[in-house]
N, C-alpha and C. Protein backbone atom coordinates (compact mmCIF):
# COMPACT_ATOMS: atom_id res chain seq x y z
N MET A 1 -10.02 -22.19 25.54
CA MET A 1 -10.09 -23.21 24.52
C MET A 1 -9.21 -22.88 23.32
N CYS A 2 -9.11 -21.62 22.97
CA CYS A 2 -8.29 -21.24 21.82
C CYS A 2 -6.84 -21.60 22.02
N ALA A 3 -6.38 -21.61 23.25
CA ALA A 3 -4.98 -21.91 23.53
C ALA A 3 -4.60 -23.30 23.04
N GLN A 4 -5.56 -24.19 22.89
CA GLN A 4 -5.28 -25.53 22.36
C GLN A 4 -4.83 -25.44 20.90
N TYR A 5 -5.33 -24.46 20.19
CA TYR A 5 -5.13 -24.40 18.75
C TYR A 5 -4.17 -23.30 18.29
N PHE A 6 -3.99 -22.27 19.11
CA PHE A 6 -3.15 -21.14 18.71
C PHE A 6 -2.07 -20.88 19.74
N GLU A 7 -0.88 -20.53 19.26
CA GLU A 7 0.18 -20.11 20.15
C GLU A 7 0.13 -18.59 20.23
N THR A 8 -0.16 -18.08 21.40
CA THR A 8 -0.41 -16.65 21.55
C THR A 8 0.83 -15.79 21.38
N GLU A 9 2.03 -16.35 21.43
CA GLU A 9 3.23 -15.55 21.25
C GLU A 9 3.35 -15.01 19.84
N ASP A 10 2.73 -15.69 18.89
CA ASP A 10 2.85 -15.29 17.49
C ASP A 10 1.46 -15.22 16.86
N LEU A 11 0.56 -14.51 17.49
CA LEU A 11 -0.81 -14.45 17.02
C LEU A 11 -1.19 -13.00 16.74
N ASP A 12 -1.66 -12.75 15.54
CA ASP A 12 -2.15 -11.42 15.17
C ASP A 12 -3.65 -11.52 14.94
N ILE A 13 -4.38 -10.61 15.53
CA ILE A 13 -5.82 -10.54 15.33
C ILE A 13 -6.13 -9.16 14.79
N VAL A 14 -6.88 -9.10 13.70
CA VAL A 14 -7.26 -7.83 13.11
C VAL A 14 -8.75 -7.63 13.35
N LEU A 15 -9.07 -6.55 14.04
CA LEU A 15 -10.46 -6.20 14.30
C LEU A 15 -10.77 -4.94 13.50
N VAL A 16 -11.87 -4.98 12.79
CA VAL A 16 -12.25 -3.86 11.95
C VAL A 16 -13.58 -3.32 12.45
N GLY A 17 -13.65 -2.03 12.61
CA GLY A 17 -14.89 -1.42 13.05
C GLY A 17 -14.62 -0.19 13.88
N ASN A 18 -15.62 0.23 14.60
CA ASN A 18 -15.51 1.39 15.46
C ASN A 18 -14.83 0.97 16.76
N ALA A 19 -13.57 1.30 16.89
CA ALA A 19 -12.78 0.84 18.05
C ALA A 19 -13.37 1.31 19.37
N LYS A 20 -14.05 2.43 19.37
CA LYS A 20 -14.66 2.93 20.62
C LYS A 20 -15.66 1.92 21.19
N GLN A 21 -16.25 1.11 20.32
CA GLN A 21 -17.26 0.16 20.76
C GLN A 21 -16.67 -1.08 21.43
N PHE A 22 -15.41 -1.40 21.16
CA PHE A 22 -14.86 -2.63 21.76
C PHE A 22 -13.52 -2.44 22.46
N ARG A 23 -12.93 -1.26 22.39
CA ARG A 23 -11.61 -1.02 22.98
C ARG A 23 -11.57 -1.34 24.47
N ASP A 24 -12.50 -0.79 25.26
CA ASP A 24 -12.47 -1.00 26.71
C ASP A 24 -12.66 -2.47 27.08
N GLY A 25 -13.55 -3.16 26.37
CA GLY A 25 -13.76 -4.58 26.63
C GLY A 25 -12.51 -5.41 26.35
N LEU A 26 -11.81 -5.06 25.29
CA LEU A 26 -10.57 -5.78 24.96
C LEU A 26 -9.48 -5.52 25.99
N LYS A 27 -9.37 -4.28 26.43
CA LYS A 27 -8.36 -3.96 27.44
C LYS A 27 -8.63 -4.70 28.74
N THR A 28 -9.90 -4.88 29.06
CA THR A 28 -10.26 -5.62 30.27
C THR A 28 -9.99 -7.11 30.08
N ALA A 29 -10.39 -7.67 28.95
CA ALA A 29 -10.25 -9.10 28.70
C ALA A 29 -8.80 -9.51 28.44
N LEU A 30 -8.02 -8.62 27.83
CA LEU A 30 -6.64 -8.94 27.44
C LEU A 30 -5.69 -7.86 27.95
N PRO A 31 -5.51 -7.76 29.26
CA PRO A 31 -4.73 -6.65 29.83
C PRO A 31 -3.25 -6.64 29.45
N THR A 32 -2.69 -7.78 29.08
CA THR A 32 -1.25 -7.82 28.74
C THR A 32 -1.00 -7.83 27.24
N ALA A 33 -2.06 -7.77 26.45
CA ALA A 33 -1.90 -7.82 24.99
C ALA A 33 -1.24 -6.55 24.46
N LYS A 34 -0.46 -6.71 23.41
CA LYS A 34 0.12 -5.57 22.71
C LYS A 34 -0.76 -5.29 21.51
N TRP A 35 -1.07 -4.02 21.29
CA TRP A 35 -1.91 -3.71 20.14
C TRP A 35 -1.64 -2.33 19.61
N GLU A 36 -2.14 -2.11 18.42
CA GLU A 36 -1.94 -0.83 17.76
C GLU A 36 -3.21 -0.50 16.99
N GLU A 37 -3.64 0.73 17.09
CA GLU A 37 -4.81 1.18 16.34
C GLU A 37 -4.36 2.12 15.24
N PHE A 38 -4.96 1.99 14.07
CA PHE A 38 -4.69 2.93 12.99
C PHE A 38 -5.88 2.97 12.06
N HIS A 39 -5.95 4.05 11.31
CA HIS A 39 -7.07 4.27 10.40
C HIS A 39 -7.02 3.24 9.27
N SER A 40 -8.18 2.88 8.75
CA SER A 40 -8.27 1.82 7.73
C SER A 40 -7.53 2.17 6.45
N THR A 41 -7.28 3.43 6.19
CA THR A 41 -6.55 3.79 4.96
C THR A 41 -5.05 3.61 5.12
N ALA A 42 -4.59 3.26 6.32
CA ALA A 42 -3.15 3.17 6.57
C ALA A 42 -2.71 1.75 6.85
N TRP A 43 -3.24 0.75 6.14
CA TRP A 43 -2.80 -0.62 6.38
C TRP A 43 -2.74 -1.40 5.09
N ILE A 44 -1.98 -2.46 5.14
CA ILE A 44 -1.79 -3.37 4.00
C ILE A 44 -2.19 -4.76 4.47
N CYS A 45 -2.96 -5.47 3.68
CA CYS A 45 -3.32 -6.84 4.03
C CYS A 45 -3.10 -7.71 2.82
N CYS A 46 -2.13 -8.58 2.90
CA CYS A 46 -1.81 -9.50 1.81
C CYS A 46 -1.72 -10.89 2.39
N GLY A 47 -2.65 -11.72 2.04
CA GLY A 47 -2.63 -13.09 2.54
C GLY A 47 -2.79 -13.11 4.05
N PRO A 48 -1.99 -13.89 4.72
CA PRO A 48 -2.16 -14.02 6.17
C PRO A 48 -1.53 -12.89 6.98
N ILE A 49 -0.90 -11.94 6.31
CA ILE A 49 -0.19 -10.89 7.04
C ILE A 49 -0.86 -9.54 6.80
N CYS A 50 -1.30 -8.90 7.86
CA CYS A 50 -1.83 -7.54 7.78
C CYS A 50 -0.92 -6.65 8.62
N LYS A 51 -0.52 -5.56 8.06
CA LYS A 51 0.39 -4.70 8.82
C LYS A 51 0.26 -3.26 8.36
N LYS A 52 0.66 -2.39 9.23
CA LYS A 52 0.73 -0.97 8.91
C LYS A 52 1.99 -0.76 8.08
N PRO A 53 1.88 -0.09 6.94
CA PRO A 53 3.08 0.10 6.12
C PRO A 53 4.11 0.95 6.83
N GLN A 54 5.36 0.62 6.61
CA GLN A 54 6.45 1.40 7.18
C GLN A 54 6.65 2.65 6.34
N GLU A 55 6.75 3.77 7.00
CA GLU A 55 6.96 5.02 6.30
C GLU A 55 8.43 5.39 6.39
N ALA A 56 9.15 5.06 5.34
CA ALA A 56 10.58 5.35 5.31
C ALA A 56 10.78 6.73 4.70
N ALA A 57 11.60 7.51 5.32
CA ALA A 57 11.89 8.83 4.80
C ALA A 57 12.80 8.71 3.58
N ALA A 58 12.49 9.46 2.55
CA ALA A 58 13.33 9.46 1.35
C ALA A 58 14.63 10.18 1.67
N PRO A 59 15.73 9.70 1.12
CA PRO A 59 16.99 10.40 1.37
C PRO A 59 16.95 11.79 0.74
N GLU A 60 17.67 12.70 1.33
CA GLU A 60 17.74 14.06 0.82
C GLU A 60 18.40 14.05 -0.56
N ALA A 61 17.81 14.79 -1.50
CA ALA A 61 18.36 14.86 -2.85
C ALA A 61 19.67 15.66 -2.82
N THR A 62 20.65 15.12 -3.50
CA THR A 62 21.94 15.81 -3.61
C THR A 62 21.99 16.52 -4.96
N ALA A 63 22.95 17.37 -5.14
CA ALA A 63 23.12 18.06 -6.43
C ALA A 63 23.33 17.04 -7.55
N ASP A 64 24.11 15.98 -7.26
CA ASP A 64 24.36 14.94 -8.27
C ASP A 64 23.09 14.17 -8.60
N SER A 65 22.28 13.82 -7.57
CA SER A 65 21.07 13.05 -7.84
C SER A 65 20.04 13.91 -8.59
N LYS A 66 19.98 15.21 -8.30
CA LYS A 66 19.08 16.10 -9.05
C LYS A 66 19.52 16.20 -10.51
N LYS A 67 20.82 16.33 -10.72
CA LYS A 67 21.34 16.41 -12.09
C LYS A 67 21.03 15.12 -12.84
N ARG A 68 21.23 13.98 -12.19
CA ARG A 68 20.96 12.68 -12.84
C ARG A 68 19.47 12.53 -13.12
N GLY A 69 18.62 12.98 -12.21
CA GLY A 69 17.17 12.94 -12.44
C GLY A 69 16.77 13.77 -13.64
N ASP A 70 17.35 14.97 -13.77
CA ASP A 70 17.08 15.81 -14.93
C ASP A 70 17.51 15.13 -16.22
N GLU A 71 18.68 14.49 -16.19
CA GLU A 71 19.17 13.78 -17.37
C GLU A 71 18.24 12.65 -17.79
N ILE A 72 17.72 11.91 -16.80
CA ILE A 72 16.82 10.79 -17.09
C ILE A 72 15.52 11.30 -17.71
N VAL A 73 14.95 12.36 -17.13
CA VAL A 73 13.69 12.91 -17.66
C VAL A 73 13.90 13.44 -19.08
N LYS A 74 15.01 14.15 -19.32
CA LYS A 74 15.29 14.67 -20.66
C LYS A 74 15.49 13.54 -21.66
N ALA A 75 16.18 12.47 -21.25
CA ALA A 75 16.39 11.33 -22.14
C ALA A 75 15.07 10.65 -22.46
N ALA A 76 14.19 10.54 -21.47
CA ALA A 76 12.88 9.92 -21.70
C ALA A 76 12.05 10.77 -22.66
N ALA A 77 12.08 12.09 -22.49
CA ALA A 77 11.34 12.98 -23.39
C ALA A 77 11.88 12.88 -24.81
N GLU A 78 13.20 12.79 -24.95
CA GLU A 78 13.81 12.66 -26.28
C GLU A 78 13.42 11.33 -26.91
N ALA A 79 13.43 10.26 -26.12
CA ALA A 79 13.06 8.94 -26.64
C ALA A 79 11.59 8.89 -27.04
N ALA A 80 10.76 9.70 -26.41
CA ALA A 80 9.33 9.71 -26.72
C ALA A 80 9.00 10.59 -27.92
N GLY A 81 10.00 11.24 -28.50
CA GLY A 81 9.72 12.06 -29.68
C GLY A 81 10.38 13.41 -29.66
N GLY A 82 11.08 13.72 -28.61
CA GLY A 82 11.81 14.98 -28.54
C GLY A 82 10.89 16.18 -28.65
N SER A 83 11.29 17.15 -29.45
CA SER A 83 10.51 18.38 -29.58
C SER A 83 9.17 18.13 -30.26
N ALA A 84 9.04 17.02 -30.99
CA ALA A 84 7.77 16.72 -31.66
C ALA A 84 6.63 16.50 -30.66
N ILE A 85 6.95 16.10 -29.43
CA ILE A 85 5.87 15.86 -28.46
C ILE A 85 5.23 17.16 -27.98
N GLN A 86 5.89 18.29 -28.21
CA GLN A 86 5.30 19.57 -27.82
C GLN A 86 4.07 19.90 -28.66
N ALA A 87 3.96 19.33 -29.86
CA ALA A 87 2.83 19.60 -30.74
C ALA A 87 1.61 18.74 -30.41
N ILE A 88 1.72 17.80 -29.49
CA ILE A 88 0.61 16.92 -29.15
C ILE A 88 -0.42 17.69 -28.34
N ASP A 89 -1.69 17.66 -28.81
CA ASP A 89 -2.79 18.34 -28.11
C ASP A 89 -3.62 17.38 -27.29
N ASP A 90 -3.67 16.11 -27.68
CA ASP A 90 -4.58 15.17 -27.04
C ASP A 90 -3.97 13.77 -27.09
N VAL A 91 -4.23 13.00 -26.06
CA VAL A 91 -3.76 11.62 -26.02
C VAL A 91 -4.94 10.73 -25.64
N GLN A 92 -5.11 9.66 -26.37
CA GLN A 92 -6.14 8.67 -26.04
C GLN A 92 -5.46 7.33 -25.85
N VAL A 93 -5.87 6.62 -24.80
CA VAL A 93 -5.29 5.32 -24.51
C VAL A 93 -6.42 4.29 -24.52
N THR A 94 -6.22 3.21 -25.22
CA THR A 94 -7.19 2.12 -25.25
C THR A 94 -6.48 0.88 -24.74
N THR A 95 -7.16 0.16 -23.86
CA THR A 95 -6.56 -1.05 -23.31
C THR A 95 -7.62 -2.13 -23.22
N ALA A 96 -7.19 -3.34 -23.17
CA ALA A 96 -8.09 -4.47 -23.01
C ALA A 96 -7.37 -5.54 -22.21
N GLY A 97 -8.12 -6.30 -21.48
CA GLY A 97 -7.52 -7.37 -20.70
C GLY A 97 -8.55 -8.03 -19.81
N THR A 98 -8.08 -8.79 -18.88
CA THR A 98 -8.95 -9.49 -17.95
C THR A 98 -8.39 -9.36 -16.55
N ALA A 99 -9.26 -8.96 -15.63
CA ALA A 99 -8.88 -8.93 -14.21
C ALA A 99 -9.37 -10.23 -13.60
N HIS A 100 -8.50 -10.90 -12.89
CA HIS A 100 -8.83 -12.17 -12.26
C HIS A 100 -9.05 -11.94 -10.77
N GLY A 101 -10.22 -12.31 -10.26
CA GLY A 101 -10.52 -12.10 -8.86
C GLY A 101 -11.28 -13.25 -8.25
N PRO A 102 -11.55 -13.19 -6.96
CA PRO A 102 -12.24 -14.29 -6.28
C PRO A 102 -13.64 -14.56 -6.81
N GLN A 103 -14.29 -13.53 -7.37
CA GLN A 103 -15.63 -13.73 -7.91
C GLN A 103 -15.58 -14.12 -9.38
N GLY A 104 -14.42 -14.30 -9.92
CA GLY A 104 -14.29 -14.71 -11.32
C GLY A 104 -13.57 -13.65 -12.13
N ASP A 105 -13.49 -13.90 -13.43
CA ASP A 105 -12.80 -12.99 -14.33
C ASP A 105 -13.72 -11.86 -14.75
N VAL A 106 -13.11 -10.68 -14.95
CA VAL A 106 -13.84 -9.50 -15.41
C VAL A 106 -13.06 -8.89 -16.56
N ALA A 107 -13.74 -8.68 -17.68
CA ALA A 107 -13.09 -8.06 -18.83
C ALA A 107 -12.89 -6.57 -18.55
N ILE A 108 -11.71 -6.08 -18.92
CA ILE A 108 -11.45 -4.65 -18.76
C ILE A 108 -10.98 -4.07 -20.09
């Protein structure tokens, strides 16, 4: 019946739970299906698309990129107060705002 409403060539189904409890049943019911299992901490779900994040390797740092990184950090430290920031013992941050969510707004 689902075939009336969904095109299986472009259908993603996300099942959450203990895969040991349903894996064998799915393999029997859907022997030609392509699937992937991964731990719940290793996925992204935004809107209608849920996917495992791609893990791209960072390029190897070169001598020039290390030098430029040092320059950027030193410039940021200078812009933040230079040597005067060494005397700072404590930092306090206060913020206010509103988080908007499906259950309504929450003051933060």
